[in-house]
Amino acid sequence: MINSILLQAHTTAAVTDTLSKAVAKPDVADESLWDLAAKGGWIMVPILILSLVAVYFIIERFVAINSRRKIEAGFMGNIKNFMLSGNIEAAKEMCRSSSAPEAKMMAKGLARIDKPIADIEKSMEAVGKQEVYKLEKNLNILSIIAGIAPLFGFIGTILGVIKIFYSISLADNISIGLISGGLYQKMVTSAAGLMVGVFAFIGFHWLNLMVNKIVHRVEVNSAEFVDIIQDHKK
């Protein structure tokens, strides 16, 4: 009786140990980001290039826009005081020493101070368009990247699906081992394309917001400058 009980206990312990090993999670080495990206196949190369281009232009445009975003405190007040006191040269010098877009426009207006108001406004408008172009330069590249990066991810998805069905056709059976490679490529490329697209999309609109704020300020200050010239001519 005792032997039977011991044998039953030993058998139960063995079965329990076997089951615990079966359900235990296998040791899986953590994959690096590079290894995961490599599973996306060759389509990850253009996606990577697009991400590097997006980073470059976001940084380059931010530096360029930020350098023109600041204007000296009391700039318009000093320009007004110089002009109303007849010190045009001091006003010109102040405009030349500033990197703000409206300063470039005012410098052009001051160079034509003896011309009619309509001619001054036209010359300032031409300079203003050039300054806005300098601010918006290369922003469209970010817009293009935001549009095409997800498309490359979609191409990777299609290639992954093709790989899955091709593997099934060769083996004439369906197993997780056959479809896992295609699923990796499908999901990795889709995620990478979307992430690059979202990153470029955010960068594009963030920089555009900075440009719009500068343009609004330039319009306000330019209109005030024209009023100052009219007061100066009286």
C-alpha atoms as a PDB file:
ATOM      1  CA  MET A   1       0.000   0.000   0.000  1.00  0.00           C
ATOM      2  CA  ILE A   2       2.779   2.357   0.952  1.00  0.00           C
ATOM      3  CA  ASN A   3       4.740   1.498  -2.196  1.00  0.00           C
ATOM      4  CA  SER A   4       1.680   2.253  -4.324  1.00  0.00           C
ATOM      5  CA  ILE A   5       1.266   5.639  -2.693  1.00  0.00           C
ATOM      6  CA  LEU A   6       4.961   6.465  -3.178  1.00  0.00           C
ATOM      7  CA  LEU A   7       4.803   5.385  -6.842  1.00  0.00           C
ATOM      8  CA  GLN A   8       1.723   7.536  -7.413  1.00  0.00           C
ATOM      9  CA  ALA A   9       3.402  10.546  -5.777  1.00  0.00           C
ATOM     10  CA  HIS A  10       6.556  10.031  -7.849  1.00  0.00           C
ATOM     11  CA  THR A  11       4.491   9.801 -11.054  1.00  0.00           C
ATOM     12  CA  THR A  12       2.520  12.946 -10.174  1.00  0.00           C
ATOM     13  CA  ALA A  13       5.736  14.866  -9.499  1.00  0.00           C
ATOM     14  CA  ALA A  14       7.204  13.764 -12.819  1.00  0.00           C
ATOM     15  CA  VAL A  15       4.091  14.798 -14.747  1.00  0.00           C
ATOM     16  CA  THR A  16       4.019  18.160 -12.949  1.00  0.00           C
ATOM     17  CA  ASP A  17       7.678  18.751 -13.762  1.00  0.00           C
ATOM     18  CA  THR A  18       7.089  17.859 -17.405  1.00  0.00           C
ATOM     19  CA  LEU A  19       4.102  20.182 -17.671  1.00  0.00           C
ATOM     20  CA  SER A  20       5.979  23.040 -16.025  1.00  0.00           C
ATOM     21  CA  LYS A  21       8.783  22.689 -18.554  1.00  0.00           C
ATOM     22  CA  ALA A  22       6.303  22.589 -21.410  1.00  0.00           C
ATOM     23  CA  VAL A  23       4.497  25.749 -20.417  1.00  0.00           C
ATOM     24  CA  ALA A  24       7.647  27.605 -19.332  1.00  0.00           C
ATOM     25  CA  LYS A  25       8.597  30.410 -21.642  1.00  0.00           C
ATOM     26  CA  PRO A  26      11.729  29.698 -23.630  1.00  0.00           C
ATOM     27  CA  ASP A  27      14.687  31.912 -23.158  1.00  0.00           C
ATOM     28  CA  VAL A  28      14.629  34.375 -26.035  1.00  0.00           C
ATOM     29  CA  ALA A  29      17.479  36.790 -26.446  1.00  0.00           C
ATOM     30  CA  ASP A  30      16.390  40.398 -26.718  1.00  0.00           C
ATOM     31  CA  GLU A  31      16.763  41.612 -30.278  1.00  0.00           C
ATOM     32  CA  SER A  32      18.483  44.898 -30.906  1.00  0.00           C
ATOM     33  CA  LEU A  33      16.745  47.661 -32.821  1.00  0.00           C
ATOM     34  CA  TRP A  34      19.133  47.073 -35.702  1.00  0.00           C
ATOM     35  CA  ASP A  35      18.294  43.338 -35.838  1.00  0.00           C
ATOM     36  CA  LEU A  36      14.587  44.147 -35.816  1.00  0.00           C
ATOM     37  CA  ALA A  37      14.978  46.727 -38.585  1.00  0.00           C
ATOM     38  CA  ALA A  38      17.014  44.259 -40.649  1.00  0.00           C
ATOM     39  CA  LYS A  39      14.016  41.925 -40.748  1.00  0.00           C
ATOM     40  CA  GLY A  40      12.215  44.561 -42.833  1.00  0.00           C
ATOM     41  CA  GLY A  41      14.423  43.799 -45.807  1.00  0.00           C
ATOM     42  CA  TRP A  42      15.841  46.153 -48.409  1.00  0.00           C
ATOM     43  CA  ILE A  43      12.833  48.484 -48.256  1.00  0.00           C
ATOM     44  CA  MET A  44      14.172  49.728 -44.909  1.00  0.00           C
ATOM     45  CA  VAL A  45      17.078  51.385 -46.734  1.00  0.00           C
ATOM     46  CA  PRO A  46      15.007  54.154 -48.414  1.00  0.00           C
ATOM     47  CA  ILE A  47      12.991  54.572 -45.213  1.00  0.00           C
ATOM     48  CA  LEU A  48      16.226  55.066 -43.274  1.00  0.00           C
ATOM     49  CA  ILE A  49      17.476  57.575 -45.860  1.00  0.00           C
ATOM     50  CA  LEU A  50      14.199  59.505 -45.629  1.00  0.00           C
ATOM     51  CA  SER A  51      14.476  59.616 -41.844  1.00  0.00           C
ATOM     52  CA  LEU A  52      18.014  61.038 -42.017  1.00  0.00           C
ATOM     53  CA  VAL A  53      16.962  63.643 -44.588  1.00  0.00           C
ATOM     54  CA  ALA A  54      14.008  64.644 -42.389  1.00  0.00           C
ATOM     55  CA  VAL A  55      16.231  65.058 -39.321  1.00  0.00           C
ATOM     56  CA  TYR A  56      18.733  67.137 -41.303  1.00  0.00           C
ATOM     57  CA  PHE A  57      16.176  69.551 -42.737  1.00  0.00           C
ATOM     58  CA  ILE A  58      14.256  69.939 -39.482  1.00  0.00           C
ATOM     59  CA  ILE A  59      17.463  70.962 -37.697  1.00  0.00           C
ATOM     60  CA  GLU A  60      18.681  73.124 -40.605  1.00  0.00           C
ATOM     61  CA  ARG A  61      15.349  74.939 -40.969  1.00  0.00           C
ATOM     62  CA  PHE A  62      14.960  75.430 -37.224  1.00  0.00           C
ATOM     63  CA  VAL A  63      18.375  77.086 -36.976  1.00  0.00           C
ATOM     64  CA  ALA A  64      17.672  79.292 -40.019  1.00  0.00           C
ATOM     65  CA  ILE A  65      14.181  80.323 -38.883  1.00  0.00           C
ATOM     66  CA  ASN A  66      15.175  80.826 -35.267  1.00  0.00           C
ATOM     67  CA  SER A  67      17.995  83.189 -36.281  1.00  0.00           C
ATOM     68  CA  ARG A  68      15.421  85.467 -37.952  1.00  0.00           C
ATOM     69  CA  ARG A  69      12.730  85.092 -35.314  1.00  0.00           C
ATOM     70  CA  LYS A  70      14.193  87.539 -32.839  1.00  0.00           C
ATOM     71  CA  ILE A  71      13.993  91.300 -33.160  1.00  0.00           C
ATOM     72  CA  GLU A  72      15.657  93.822 -30.888  1.00  0.00           C
ATOM     73  CA  ALA A  73      13.525  95.211 -28.073  1.00  0.00           C
ATOM     74  CA  GLY A  74      12.223  98.670 -28.943  1.00  0.00           C
ATOM     75  CA  PHE A  75      13.269  98.281 -32.603  1.00  0.00           C
ATOM     76  CA  MET A  76      10.199  99.981 -34.081  1.00  0.00           C
ATOM     77  CA  GLY A  77      10.226 102.705 -31.442  1.00  0.00           C
ATOM     78  CA  ASN A  78      13.848 103.568 -32.214  1.00  0.00           C
ATOM     79  CA  ILE A  79      13.195 103.580 -35.977  1.00  0.00           C
ATOM     80  CA  LYS A  80      10.255 105.928 -35.446  1.00  0.00           C
ATOM     81  CA  ASN A  81      12.271 108.290 -33.247  1.00  0.00           C
ATOM     82  CA  PHE A  82      15.184 108.379 -35.723  1.00  0.00           C
ATOM     83  CA  MET A  83      12.925 109.100 -38.684  1.00  0.00           C
ATOM     84  CA  LEU A  84      10.783 111.741 -37.036  1.00  0.00           C
ATOM     85  CA  SER A  85      13.946 113.492 -35.840  1.00  0.00           C
ATOM     86  CA  GLY A  86      15.351 113.378 -39.381  1.00  0.00           C
ATOM     87  CA  ASN A  87      18.208 110.994 -38.508  1.00  0.00           C
ATOM     88  CA  ILE A  88      17.698 108.677 -41.493  1.00  0.00           C
ATOM     89  CA  GLU A  89      21.269 107.370 -41.450  1.00  0.00           C
ATOM     90  CA  ALA A  90      20.865 106.101 -37.884  1.00  0.00           C
ATOM     91  CA  ALA A  91      17.659 104.327 -38.922  1.00  0.00           C
ATOM     92  CA  LYS A  92      19.448 102.727 -41.879  1.00  0.00           C
ATOM     93  CA  GLU A  93      22.312 101.577 -39.695  1.00  0.00           C
ATOM     94  CA  MET A  94      19.919 100.035 -37.206  1.00  0.00           C
ATOM     95  CA  CYS A  95      18.148  98.129 -39.998  1.00  0.00           C
ATOM     96  CA  ARG A  96      21.451  96.881 -41.416  1.00  0.00           C
ATOM     97  CA  SER A  97      22.544  95.572 -38.008  1.00  0.00           C
ATOM     98  CA  SER A  98      19.408  93.410 -37.575  1.00  0.00           C
ATOM     99  CA  SER A  99      18.761  89.964 -39.061  1.00  0.00           C
ATOM    100  CA  ALA A 100      14.969  90.273 -38.766  1.00  0.00           C
ATOM    101  CA  PRO A 101      13.074  90.104 -42.108  1.00  0.00           C
ATOM    102  CA  GLU A 102      11.270  93.391 -41.524  1.00  0.00           C
ATOM    103  CA  ALA A 103      14.627  95.102 -40.965  1.00  0.00           C
ATOM    104  CA  LYS A 104      15.667  94.072 -44.483  1.00  0.00           C
ATOM    105  CA  MET A 105      12.404  95.444 -45.843  1.00  0.00           C
ATOM    106  CA  MET A 106      12.755  98.725 -43.949  1.00  0.00           C
ATOM    107  CA  ALA A 107      16.333  99.124 -45.133  1.00  0.00           C
ATOM    108  CA  LYS A 108      15.017  98.923 -48.700  1.00  0.00           C
ATOM    109  CA  GLY A 109      12.281 101.412 -47.892  1.00  0.00           C
ATOM    110  CA  LEU A 110      14.754 103.829 -46.331  1.00  0.00           C
ATOM    111  CA  ALA A 111      16.963 103.562 -49.420  1.00  0.00           C
ATOM    112  CA  ARG A 112      13.959 104.853 -51.423  1.00  0.00           C
ATOM    113  CA  ILE A 113      12.788 107.367 -48.856  1.00  0.00           C
ATOM    114  CA  ASP A 114      12.532 110.132 -51.454  1.00  0.00           C
ATOM    115  CA  LYS A 115      10.272 108.089 -53.753  1.00  0.00           C
ATOM    116  CA  PRO A 116       6.451 108.054 -53.641  1.00  0.00           C
ATOM    117  CA  ILE A 117       4.816 105.840 -51.005  1.00  0.00           C
ATOM    118  CA  ALA A 118       3.548 103.412 -53.666  1.00  0.00           C
ATOM    119  CA  ASP A 119       7.095 102.830 -54.967  1.00  0.00           C
ATOM    120  CA  ILE A 120       8.416 102.337 -51.437  1.00  0.00           C
ATOM    121  CA  GLU A 121       5.710  99.791 -50.646  1.00  0.00           C
ATOM    122  CA  LYS A 122       6.381  97.900 -53.888  1.00  0.00           C
ATOM    123  CA  SER A 123      10.113  97.666 -53.218  1.00  0.00           C
ATOM    124  CA  MET A 124       9.503  96.561 -49.636  1.00  0.00           C
ATOM    125  CA  GLU A 125       7.034  93.933 -50.812  1.00  0.00           C
ATOM    126  CA  ALA A 126       9.627  92.485 -53.207  1.00  0.00           C
ATOM    127  CA  VAL A 127      12.166  92.195 -50.383  1.00  0.00           C
ATOM    128  CA  GLY A 128       9.499  90.708 -48.133  1.00  0.00           C
ATOM    129  CA  LYS A 129       8.775  87.933 -50.640  1.00  0.00           C
ATOM    130  CA  GLN A 130      12.461  87.088 -50.791  1.00  0.00           C
ATOM    131  CA  GLU A 131      12.681  86.932 -46.999  1.00  0.00           C
ATOM    132  CA  VAL A 132       9.622  84.692 -46.736  1.00  0.00           C
ATOM    133  CA  TYR A 133      11.101  82.411 -49.405  1.00  0.00           C
ATOM    134  CA  LYS A 134      14.281  82.128 -47.335  1.00  0.00           C
ATOM    135  CA  LEU A 135      12.210  81.130 -44.309  1.00  0.00           C
ATOM    136  CA  GLU A 136      10.120  78.536 -46.181  1.00  0.00           C
ATOM    137  CA  LYS A 137      13.018  77.137 -48.216  1.00  0.00           C
ATOM    138  CA  ASN A 138      13.203  73.297 -48.108  1.00  0.00           C
ATOM    139  CA  LEU A 139      10.058  72.967 -45.974  1.00  0.00           C
ATOM    140  CA  ASN A 140       8.321  71.248 -48.891  1.00  0.00           C
ATOM    141  CA  ILE A 141      10.900  68.475 -48.675  1.00  0.00           C
ATOM    142  CA  LEU A 142       9.554  67.591 -45.226  1.00  0.00           C
ATOM    143  CA  SER A 143       6.028  67.587 -46.636  1.00  0.00           C
ATOM    144  CA  ILE A 144       7.101  65.181 -49.379  1.00  0.00           C
ATOM    145  CA  ILE A 145       8.804  62.865 -46.871  1.00  0.00           C
ATOM    146  CA  ALA A 146       5.685  62.879 -44.692  1.00  0.00           C
ATOM    147  CA  GLY A 147       3.734  61.681 -47.720  1.00  0.00           C
ATOM    148  CA  ILE A 148       6.032  59.062 -49.231  1.00  0.00           C
ATOM    149  CA  ALA A 149       7.586  57.425 -46.137  1.00  0.00           C
ATOM    150  CA  PRO A 150       4.316  55.608 -45.238  1.00  0.00           C
ATOM    151  CA  LEU A 151       4.038  54.553 -48.886  1.00  0.00           C
ATOM    152  CA  PHE A 152       7.421  52.835 -48.661  1.00  0.00           C
ATOM    153  CA  GLY A 153       6.145  51.107 -45.526  1.00  0.00           C
ATOM    154  CA  PHE A 154       3.073  49.995 -47.482  1.00  0.00           C
ATOM    155  CA  ILE A 155       5.324  48.609 -50.232  1.00  0.00           C
ATOM    156  CA  GLY A 156       7.141  46.624 -47.540  1.00  0.00           C
ATOM    157  CA  THR A 157       3.761  45.310 -46.336  1.00  0.00           C
ATOM    158  CA  ILE A 158       2.886  44.105 -49.838  1.00  0.00           C
ATOM    159  CA  LEU A 159       6.296  42.451 -50.217  1.00  0.00           C
ATOM    160  CA  GLY A 160       5.812  40.739 -46.850  1.00  0.00           C
ATOM    161  CA  VAL A 161       2.443  39.340 -47.928  1.00  0.00           C
ATOM    162  CA  ILE A 162       3.948  38.127 -51.212  1.00  0.00           C
ATOM    163  CA  LYS A 163       6.722  36.413 -49.235  1.00  0.00           C
ATOM    164  CA  ILE A 164       4.177  34.665 -47.017  1.00  0.00           C
ATOM    165  CA  PHE A 165       2.144  33.256 -49.907  1.00  0.00           C
ATOM    166  CA  TYR A 166       5.271  32.283 -51.830  1.00  0.00           C
ATOM    167  CA  SER A 167       6.580  30.325 -48.839  1.00  0.00           C
ATOM    168  CA  ILE A 168       3.215  28.595 -48.431  1.00  0.00           C
ATOM    169  CA  SER A 169       3.124  27.672 -52.121  1.00  0.00           C
ATOM    170  CA  LEU A 170       6.551  26.060 -51.913  1.00  0.00           C
ATOM    171  CA  ALA A 171       5.876  24.084 -48.743  1.00  0.00           C
ATOM    172  CA  ASP A 172       2.232  23.308 -49.562  1.00  0.00           C
ATOM    173  CA  ASN A 173       1.276  23.807 -45.904  1.00  0.00           C
ATOM    174  CA  ILE A 174       0.646  26.577 -43.431  1.00  0.00           C
ATOM    175  CA  SER A 175       2.786  26.932 -40.316  1.00  0.00           C
ATOM    176  CA  ILE A 176       3.879  29.823 -38.137  1.00  0.00           C
ATOM    177  CA  GLY A 177       7.468  29.190 -39.162  1.00  0.00           C
ATOM    178  CA  LEU A 178       6.631  29.779 -42.821  1.00  0.00           C
ATOM    179  CA  ILE A 179       4.714  32.992 -42.329  1.00  0.00           C
ATOM    180  CA  SER A 180       6.773  34.555 -39.513  1.00  0.00           C
ATOM    181  CA  GLY A 181       9.411  35.991 -41.872  1.00  0.00           C
ATOM    182  CA  GLY A 182       6.819  37.669 -44.043  1.00  0.00           C
ATOM    183  CA  LEU A 183       4.963  38.962 -40.995  1.00  0.00           C
ATOM    184  CA  TYR A 184       8.157  40.474 -39.638  1.00  0.00           C
ATOM    185  CA  GLN A 185       8.810  42.299 -42.901  1.00  0.00           C
ATOM    186  CA  LYS A 186       5.179  43.378 -43.132  1.00  0.00           C
ATOM    187  CA  MET A 187       4.937  44.850 -39.650  1.00  0.00           C
ATOM    188  CA  VAL A 188       8.459  46.302 -39.356  1.00  0.00           C
ATOM    189  CA  THR A 189       8.296  48.240 -42.635  1.00  0.00           C
ATOM    190  CA  SER A 190       4.787  49.517 -41.921  1.00  0.00           C
ATOM    191  CA  ALA A 191       5.780  50.757 -38.469  1.00  0.00           C
ATOM    192  CA  ALA A 192       9.020  52.328 -39.722  1.00  0.00           C
ATOM    193  CA  GLY A 193       7.320  54.118 -42.624  1.00  0.00           C
ATOM    194  CA  LEU A 194       4.575  55.487 -40.391  1.00  0.00           C
ATOM    195  CA  MET A 195       7.012  56.685 -37.723  1.00  0.00           C
ATOM    196  CA  VAL A 196       9.164  58.539 -40.271  1.00  0.00           C
ATOM    197  CA  GLY A 197       6.058  60.027 -41.893  1.00  0.00           C
ATOM    198  CA  VAL A 198       4.646  61.236 -38.572  1.00  0.00           C
ATOM    199  CA  PHE A 199       8.015  62.684 -37.573  1.00  0.00           C
ATOM    200  CA  ALA A 200       8.343  64.627 -40.842  1.00  0.00           C
ATOM    201  CA  PHE A 201       4.681  65.720 -40.646  1.00  0.00           C
ATOM    202  CA  ILE A 202       5.122  67.138 -37.148  1.00  0.00           C
ATOM    203  CA  GLY A 203       8.383  68.853 -38.109  1.00  0.00           C
ATOM    204  CA  PHE A 204       6.812  70.414 -41.212  1.00  0.00           C
ATOM    205  CA  HIS A 205       3.837  71.909 -39.392  1.00  0.00           C
ATOM    206  CA  TRP A 206       5.882  73.000 -36.372  1.00  0.00           C
ATOM    207  CA  LEU A 207       8.314  74.919 -38.588  1.00  0.00           C
ATOM    208  CA  ASN A 208       5.436  76.342 -40.631  1.00  0.00           C
ATOM    209  CA  LEU A 209       3.899  77.635 -37.419  1.00  0.00           C
ATOM    210  CA  MET A 210       7.171  79.415 -36.613  1.00  0.00           C
ATOM    211  CA  VAL A 211       7.253  80.950 -40.107  1.00  0.00           C
ATOM    212  CA  ASN A 212       3.637  82.116 -39.893  1.00  0.00           C
ATOM    213  CA  LYS A 213       4.306  83.899 -36.612  1.00  0.00           C
ATOM    214  CA  ILE A 214       7.266  85.721 -38.148  1.00  0.00           C
ATOM    215  CA  VAL A 215       5.273  86.651 -41.274  1.00  0.00           C
ATOM    216  CA  HIS A 216       2.451  88.074 -39.141  1.00  0.00           C
ATOM    217  CA  ARG A 217       4.916  90.169 -37.151  1.00  0.00           C
ATOM    218  CA  VAL A 218       6.571  91.387 -40.351  1.00  0.00           C
ATOM    219  CA  GLU A 219       3.228  92.470 -41.801  1.00  0.00           C
ATOM    220  CA  VAL A 220       2.328  94.430 -38.665  1.00  0.00           C
ATOM    221  CA  ASN A 221       5.733  96.133 -38.413  1.00  0.00           C
ATOM    222  CA  SER A 222       5.834  96.920 -42.146  1.00  0.00           C
ATOM    223  CA  ALA A 223       2.437  98.595 -42.005  1.00  0.00           C
ATOM    224  CA  GLU A 224       3.613 100.652 -39.036  1.00  0.00           C
ATOM    225  CA  PHE A 225       6.781 101.578 -40.916  1.00  0.00           C
ATOM    226  CA  VAL A 226       4.768 102.888 -43.883  1.00  0.00           C
ATOM    227  CA  ASP A 227       2.754 105.060 -41.466  1.00  0.00           C
ATOM    228  CA  ILE A 228       6.032 106.395 -40.045  1.00  0.00           C
ATOM    229  CA  ILE A 229       7.259 107.302 -43.539  1.00  0.00           C
ATOM    230  CA  GLN A 230       4.021 109.148 -44.234  1.00  0.00           C
ATOM    231  CA  ASP A 231       4.438 111.102 -40.993  1.00  0.00           C
ATOM    232  CA  HIS A 232       8.061 111.804 -41.952  1.00  0.00           C
ATOM    233  CA  LYS A 233       7.025 113.185 -45.356  1.00  0.00           C
ATOM    234  CA  LYS A 234       4.504 115.615 -43.883  1.00  0.00           C
END
